Amino acid sequence: MIKSKKISLMLQKKTILDDVSCHIPKGKITMFIGNSGGGKTSLLKCMATLYQYQGDIACDGADLTLVSANERAQSIGFVFQQFHLFGHMTVLQNCMHPMQHVLKISKQKAQEKSVGDFNDVGHG
């Protein structure tokens, strides 16, 4: 589970996020939907500690600023949008790739973790 509390982010003297809080339940697929430029990707980059932010973000109760990069990589994944994906792979393969090659998780386990509770999303 990831909880963010009062996240603020400034880039190049521009406020990108201002007092944003959210809760992402463990084992659930969560989507951020909104206008272009609304801060969705910036919030995710804060959660992956790719940006320095103000506020608190915890993963399974641990403050992300105190968790090592290796420990963080085992519980938080980040797949970039658009051209950052490997074009010769499906979205599923792009999600599985770092788990298999960085974390050394089996193909089957990586697929299970990537798909998660997709049936609970209510697609169709």
N, C-alpha and C. Protein backbone atom coordinates (compact mmCIF):
# COMPACT_ATOMS: atom_id res chain seq x y z
N MET A 1 0.84 -1.17 0.00
CA MET A 1 0.00 0.00 0.00
C MET A 1 0.89 1.24 0.00
N ILE A 2 0.47 2.22 -0.75
CA ILE A 2 1.20 3.49 -0.79
C ILE A 2 0.26 4.59 -0.31
N LYS A 3 0.75 5.38 0.64
CA LYS A 3 0.00 6.53 1.13
C LYS A 3 0.85 7.77 0.92
N SER A 4 0.26 8.76 0.30
CA SER A 4 0.94 10.05 0.18
C SER A 4 0.13 11.07 0.97
N LYS A 5 0.85 11.96 1.64
CA LYS A 5 0.18 12.96 2.46
C LYS A 5 0.82 14.33 2.20
N LYS A 6 -0.02 15.26 1.76
CA LYS A 6 0.38 16.65 1.57
C LYS A 6 1.63 16.80 0.69
N ILE A 7 1.59 16.15 -0.49
CA ILE A 7 2.72 16.20 -1.41
C ILE A 7 2.69 17.51 -2.18
N SER A 8 3.81 18.20 -2.17
CA SER A 8 3.98 19.42 -2.95
C SER A 8 5.27 19.28 -3.75
N LEU A 9 5.23 19.80 -4.97
CA LEU A 9 6.37 19.70 -5.86
C LEU A 9 6.49 20.98 -6.68
N MET A 10 7.69 21.52 -6.68
CA MET A 10 7.98 22.69 -7.51
C MET A 10 9.10 22.31 -8.47
N LEU A 11 8.91 22.64 -9.74
CA LEU A 11 9.94 22.44 -10.76
C LEU A 11 10.12 23.75 -11.51
N GLN A 12 11.35 24.20 -11.58
CA GLN A 12 11.67 25.45 -12.26
C GLN A 12 10.78 26.61 -11.78
N LYS A 13 10.65 26.70 -10.45
CA LYS A 13 9.87 27.77 -9.79
C LYS A 13 8.37 27.73 -10.12
N LYS A 14 7.89 26.59 -10.63
CA LYS A 14 6.47 26.43 -10.94
C LYS A 14 5.89 25.34 -10.03
N THR A 15 4.76 25.63 -9.41
CA THR A 15 4.10 24.64 -8.55
C THR A 15 3.43 23.60 -9.43
N ILE A 16 3.87 22.35 -9.28
CA ILE A 16 3.33 21.23 -10.06
C ILE A 16 2.28 20.48 -9.24
N LEU A 17 2.60 20.23 -7.97
CA LEU A 17 1.67 19.57 -7.04
C LEU A 17 1.56 20.44 -5.79
N ASP A 18 0.35 20.57 -5.28
CA ASP A 18 0.13 21.41 -4.11
C ASP A 18 -0.78 20.69 -3.13
N ASP A 19 -0.20 20.12 -2.07
CA ASP A 19 -0.97 19.51 -0.99
C ASP A 19 -1.81 18.33 -1.46
N VAL A 20 -1.19 17.40 -2.21
CA VAL A 20 -1.89 16.23 -2.76
C VAL A 20 -1.74 15.05 -1.82
N SER A 21 -2.85 14.41 -1.50
CA SER A 21 -2.84 13.20 -0.67
C SER A 21 -3.63 12.12 -1.38
N CYS A 22 -3.17 10.87 -1.25
CA CYS A 22 -3.92 9.74 -1.82
C CYS A 22 -3.51 8.45 -1.13
N HIS A 23 -4.31 7.44 -1.36
CA HIS A 23 -4.08 6.11 -0.77
C HIS A 23 -4.24 5.10 -1.90
N ILE A 24 -3.21 4.30 -2.14
CA ILE A 24 -3.27 3.25 -3.17
C ILE A 24 -3.25 1.92 -2.44
N PRO A 25 -4.36 1.19 -2.47
CA PRO A 25 -4.43 -0.08 -1.74
C PRO A 25 -3.50 -1.14 -2.34
N LYS A 26 -2.94 -1.98 -1.48
CA LYS A 26 -2.06 -3.05 -1.91
C LYS A 26 -2.85 -4.07 -2.74
N GLY A 27 -2.26 -4.50 -3.84
CA GLY A 27 -2.85 -5.54 -4.68
C GLY A 27 -3.96 -5.06 -5.59
N LYS A 28 -4.18 -3.78 -5.68
CA LYS A 28 -5.23 -3.24 -6.54
C LYS A 28 -4.62 -2.41 -7.65
N ILE A 29 -5.24 -2.43 -8.79
CA ILE A 29 -4.82 -1.59 -9.90
C ILE A 29 -5.47 -0.24 -9.70
N THR A 30 -4.66 0.81 -9.74
CA THR A 30 -5.14 2.17 -9.50
C THR A 30 -4.80 3.04 -10.68
N MET A 31 -5.74 3.85 -11.11
CA MET A 31 -5.51 4.74 -12.24
C MET A 31 -5.66 6.19 -11.79
N PHE A 32 -4.80 7.03 -12.32
CA PHE A 32 -4.93 8.47 -12.14
C PHE A 32 -5.42 9.01 -13.47
N ILE A 33 -6.57 9.67 -13.44
CA ILE A 33 -7.17 10.19 -14.66
C ILE A 33 -7.35 11.69 -14.51
N GLY A 34 -6.98 12.42 -15.55
CA GLY A 34 -7.14 13.87 -15.50
C GLY A 34 -6.56 14.53 -16.73
N ASN A 35 -6.68 15.83 -16.77
CA ASN A 35 -6.19 16.60 -17.91
C ASN A 35 -4.68 16.51 -18.04
N SER A 36 -4.21 16.69 -19.26
CA SER A 36 -2.78 16.79 -19.52
C SER A 36 -2.21 17.95 -18.71
N GLY A 37 -1.09 17.71 -18.04
CA GLY A 37 -0.48 18.76 -17.23
C GLY A 37 -1.06 18.86 -15.83
N GLY A 38 -1.93 17.93 -15.46
CA GLY A 38 -2.58 17.99 -14.15
C GLY A 38 -1.73 17.47 -13.00
N GLY A 39 -0.57 16.85 -13.30
CA GLY A 39 0.33 16.39 -12.25
C GLY A 39 0.32 14.89 -11.99
N LYS A 40 -0.40 14.12 -12.82
CA LYS A 40 -0.49 12.67 -12.60
C LYS A 40 0.89 12.01 -12.63
N THR A 41 1.62 12.24 -13.70
CA THR A 41 2.95 11.64 -13.85
C THR A 41 3.91 12.19 -12.80
N SER A 42 3.80 13.45 -12.48
CA SER A 42 4.67 14.03 -11.46
C SER A 42 4.45 13.37 -10.11
N LEU A 43 3.20 13.09 -9.75
CA LEU A 43 2.91 12.41 -8.49
C LEU A 43 3.52 11.01 -8.51
N LEU A 44 3.37 10.30 -9.62
CA LEU A 44 3.95 8.96 -9.72
C LEU A 44 5.47 9.00 -9.63
N LYS A 45 6.07 10.02 -10.24
CA LYS A 45 7.53 10.16 -10.16
C LYS A 45 7.97 10.47 -8.73
N CYS A 46 7.16 11.20 -7.98
CA CYS A 46 7.46 11.41 -6.56
C CYS A 46 7.41 10.08 -5.82
N MET A 47 6.39 9.27 -6.11
CA MET A 47 6.24 7.98 -5.45
C MET A 47 7.40 7.04 -5.78
N ALA A 48 7.97 7.19 -6.96
CA ALA A 48 9.12 6.38 -7.35
C ALA A 48 10.43 7.05 -6.93
N THR A 49 10.33 8.14 -6.21
CA THR A 49 11.45 8.97 -5.73
C THR A 49 12.36 9.43 -6.87
N LEU A 50 11.74 9.74 -8.01
CA LEU A 50 12.48 10.31 -9.12
C LEU A 50 12.53 11.84 -9.02
N TYR A 51 11.67 12.40 -8.17
CA TYR A 51 11.66 13.84 -7.88
C TYR A 51 11.81 14.03 -6.39
N GLN A 52 12.41 15.15 -5.99
CA GLN A 52 12.44 15.52 -4.58
C GLN A 52 11.20 16.36 -4.31
N TYR A 53 10.45 16.02 -3.31
CA TYR A 53 9.15 16.61 -3.03
C TYR A 53 9.08 17.00 -1.56
N GLN A 54 8.06 17.75 -1.23
CA GLN A 54 7.74 18.07 0.16
C GLN A 54 6.53 17.22 0.53
N GLY A 55 6.49 16.72 1.75
CA GLY A 55 5.37 15.90 2.21
C GLY A 55 5.85 14.52 2.59
N ASP A 56 4.90 13.60 2.75
CA ASP A 56 5.22 12.25 3.19
C ASP A 56 4.66 11.21 2.23
N ILE A 57 5.50 10.26 1.86
CA ILE A 57 5.05 9.11 1.08
C ILE A 57 5.57 7.87 1.78
N ALA A 58 4.66 6.93 2.04
CA ALA A 58 5.03 5.68 2.71
C ALA A 58 4.56 4.50 1.88
N CYS A 59 5.39 3.49 1.82
CA CYS A 59 5.04 2.23 1.15
C CYS A 59 5.05 1.14 2.22
N ASP A 60 3.92 0.51 2.42
CA ASP A 60 3.75 -0.50 3.47
C ASP A 60 4.22 0.04 4.82
N GLY A 61 3.93 1.31 5.08
CA GLY A 61 4.23 1.93 6.35
C GLY A 61 5.64 2.50 6.49
N ALA A 62 6.52 2.24 5.50
CA ALA A 62 7.90 2.74 5.58
C ALA A 62 8.04 4.03 4.78
N ASP A 63 8.62 5.04 5.40
CA ASP A 63 8.89 6.32 4.75
C ASP A 63 9.83 6.07 3.56
N LEU A 64 9.41 6.46 2.35
CA LEU A 64 10.21 6.18 1.16
C LEU A 64 11.58 6.84 1.17
N THR A 65 11.72 7.94 1.87
CA THR A 65 13.03 8.60 1.90
C THR A 65 14.04 7.80 2.73
N LEU A 66 13.56 6.85 3.53
CA LEU A 66 14.44 6.04 4.36
C LEU A 66 14.65 4.63 3.82
N VAL A 67 14.03 4.33 2.68
CA VAL A 67 14.13 2.99 2.08
C VAL A 67 15.19 3.02 0.99
N SER A 68 16.03 2.00 0.95
CA SER A 68 17.09 1.95 -0.07
C SER A 68 16.48 1.78 -1.46
N ALA A 69 17.23 2.17 -2.47
CA ALA A 69 16.76 2.05 -3.86
C ALA A 69 16.42 0.61 -4.19
N ASN A 70 17.20 -0.34 -3.71
CA ASN A 70 16.95 -1.75 -4.00
C ASN A 70 15.65 -2.22 -3.35
N GLU A 71 15.43 -1.83 -2.10
CA GLU A 71 14.18 -2.20 -1.40
C GLU A 71 12.98 -1.57 -2.09
N ARG A 72 13.13 -0.30 -2.51
CA ARG A 72 12.06 0.40 -3.19
C ARG A 72 11.69 -0.30 -4.50
N ALA A 73 12.72 -0.74 -5.23
CA ALA A 73 12.49 -1.40 -6.52
C ALA A 73 11.73 -2.71 -6.37
N GLN A 74 11.78 -3.31 -5.20
CA GLN A 74 11.07 -4.56 -4.99
C GLN A 74 9.58 -4.36 -4.72
N SER A 75 9.17 -3.12 -4.42
CA SER A 75 7.76 -2.91 -4.12
C SER A 75 7.09 -1.84 -4.98
N ILE A 76 7.88 -1.02 -5.66
CA ILE A 76 7.30 0.03 -6.50
C ILE A 76 7.87 -0.09 -7.91
N GLY A 77 7.00 -0.21 -8.88
CA GLY A 77 7.43 -0.23 -10.27
C GLY A 77 6.93 1.00 -10.99
N PHE A 78 7.66 1.41 -11.98
CA PHE A 78 7.28 2.60 -12.73
C PHE A 78 7.52 2.31 -14.20
N VAL A 79 6.45 2.34 -14.99
CA VAL A 79 6.56 2.15 -16.43
C VAL A 79 6.28 3.49 -17.08
N PHE A 80 7.27 4.03 -17.80
CA PHE A 80 7.10 5.32 -18.45
C PHE A 80 6.08 5.23 -19.57
N GLN A 81 5.49 6.36 -19.91
CA GLN A 81 4.52 6.39 -20.98
C GLN A 81 5.21 6.68 -22.31
N GLN A 82 4.51 6.39 -23.39
CA GLN A 82 4.92 6.70 -24.76
C GLN A 82 6.25 6.06 -25.13
N PHE A 83 7.17 6.86 -25.64
CA PHE A 83 8.39 6.33 -26.23
C PHE A 83 9.33 5.65 -25.24
N HIS A 84 9.06 5.76 -23.96
CA HIS A 84 9.94 5.16 -22.98
C HIS A 84 9.73 3.65 -22.86
N LEU A 85 8.64 3.14 -23.41
CA LEU A 85 8.42 1.70 -23.40
C LEU A 85 9.25 1.06 -24.51
N PHE A 86 9.61 -0.21 -24.32
CA PHE A 86 10.28 -0.94 -25.39
C PHE A 86 9.25 -1.23 -26.46
N GLY A 87 9.44 -0.69 -27.66
CA GLY A 87 8.46 -0.80 -28.73
C GLY A 87 8.24 -2.21 -29.24
N HIS A 88 9.21 -3.08 -29.07
CA HIS A 88 9.09 -4.45 -29.56
C HIS A 88 8.41 -5.37 -28.54
N MET A 89 7.99 -4.80 -27.39
CA MET A 89 7.34 -5.59 -26.34
C MET A 89 5.92 -5.08 -26.12
N THR A 90 5.07 -5.98 -25.63
CA THR A 90 3.73 -5.58 -25.21
C THR A 90 3.85 -4.81 -23.89
N VAL A 91 2.75 -4.18 -23.47
CA VAL A 91 2.74 -3.49 -22.18
C VAL A 91 3.05 -4.48 -21.06
N LEU A 92 2.45 -5.66 -21.14
CA LEU A 92 2.70 -6.69 -20.12
C LEU A 92 4.19 -7.05 -20.08
N GLN A 93 4.80 -7.25 -21.23
CA GLN A 93 6.23 -7.58 -21.27
C GLN A 93 7.08 -6.44 -20.71
N ASN A 94 6.69 -5.20 -20.99
CA ASN A 94 7.41 -4.05 -20.43
C ASN A 94 7.32 -4.03 -18.91
N CYS A 95 6.18 -4.44 -18.35
CA CYS A 95 6.02 -4.49 -16.90
C CYS A 95 6.83 -5.64 -16.29
N MET A 96 6.87 -6.75 -16.99
CA MET A 96 7.56 -7.94 -16.49
C MET A 96 9.08 -7.82 -16.57
N HIS A 97 9.56 -7.14 -17.57
CA HIS A 97 11.00 -7.10 -17.88
C HIS A 97 11.88 -6.72 -16.68
N PRO A 98 11.62 -5.60 -15.99
CA PRO A 98 12.52 -5.27 -14.86
C PRO A 98 12.44 -6.27 -13.72
N MET A 99 11.28 -6.86 -13.50
CA MET A 99 11.18 -7.84 -12.42
C MET A 99 12.02 -9.08 -12.73
N GLN A 100 12.01 -9.48 -14.00
CA GLN A 100 12.78 -10.66 -14.40
C GLN A 100 14.28 -10.39 -14.42
N HIS A 101 14.69 -9.23 -14.91
CA HIS A 101 16.11 -8.97 -15.14
C HIS A 101 16.80 -8.24 -13.99
N VAL A 102 16.07 -7.47 -13.22
CA VAL A 102 16.69 -6.75 -12.10
C VAL A 102 16.47 -7.51 -10.80
N LEU A 103 15.21 -7.92 -10.57
CA LEU A 103 14.89 -8.61 -9.32
C LEU A 103 15.03 -10.12 -9.41
N LYS A 104 15.27 -10.63 -10.64
CA LYS A 104 15.47 -12.08 -10.88
C LYS A 104 14.25 -12.91 -10.50
N ILE A 105 13.05 -12.36 -10.75
CA ILE A 105 11.80 -13.07 -10.50
C ILE A 105 11.49 -13.92 -11.74
N SER A 106 10.92 -15.10 -11.54
CA SER A 106 10.59 -15.98 -12.65
C SER A 106 9.56 -15.31 -13.57
N LYS A 107 9.52 -15.77 -14.81
CA LYS A 107 8.58 -15.21 -15.79
C LYS A 107 7.14 -15.35 -15.29
N GLN A 108 6.80 -16.51 -14.75
CA GLN A 108 5.44 -16.76 -14.26
C GLN A 108 5.09 -15.81 -13.11
N LYS A 109 6.00 -15.65 -12.15
CA LYS A 109 5.73 -14.78 -10.99
C LYS A 109 5.65 -13.31 -11.43
N ALA A 110 6.53 -12.92 -12.37
CA ALA A 110 6.50 -11.55 -12.88
C ALA A 110 5.17 -11.27 -13.59
N GLN A 111 4.67 -12.26 -14.32
CA GLN A 111 3.39 -12.07 -15.00
C GLN A 111 2.26 -11.97 -13.98
N GLU A 112 2.28 -12.80 -12.96
CA GLU A 112 1.25 -12.74 -11.92
C GLU A 112 1.25 -11.38 -11.23
N LYS A 113 2.44 -10.86 -10.90
CA LYS A 113 2.54 -9.56 -10.24
C LYS A 113 2.11 -8.44 -11.18
N SER A 114 2.41 -8.56 -12.47
CA SER A 114 2.07 -7.52 -13.43
C SER A 114 0.57 -7.45 -13.70
N VAL A 115 -0.06 -8.59 -13.75
CA VAL A 115 -1.49 -8.64 -14.03
C VAL A 115 -2.29 -8.31 -12.78
N GLY A 116 -1.83 -8.77 -11.62
CA GLY A 116 -2.50 -8.46 -10.34
C GLY A 116 -3.95 -8.88 -10.35
N ASP A 117 -4.79 -8.05 -9.78
CA ASP A 117 -6.24 -8.31 -9.70
C ASP A 117 -6.96 -7.63 -10.85
N PHE A 118 -6.48 -7.83 -12.06
CA PHE A 118 -7.07 -7.15 -13.22
C PHE A 118 -8.57 -7.44 -13.34
N ASN A 119 -9.01 -8.60 -12.92
CA ASN A 119 -10.43 -8.94 -13.01
C ASN A 119 -11.30 -8.07 -12.12
N ASP A 120 -10.71 -7.43 -11.09
CA ASP A 120 -11.46 -6.57 -10.20
C ASP A 120 -11.64 -5.15 -10.73
N VAL A 121 -10.99 -4.83 -11.86
CA VAL A 121 -11.01 -3.47 -12.37
C VAL A 121 -12.37 -3.11 -12.94
N GLY A 122 -13.12 -4.08 -13.42
CA GLY A 122 -14.43 -3.79 -13.99
C GLY A 122 -14.33 -3.35 -15.44
N HIS A 123 -13.38 -3.90 -16.17
CA HIS A 123 -13.24 -3.56 -17.58
C HIS A 123 -14.29 -4.31 -18.39
N GLY A 124 -14.47 -3.88 -19.64
CA GLY A 124 -15.36 -4.64 -20.51
C GLY A 124 -16.28 -3.84 -21.24
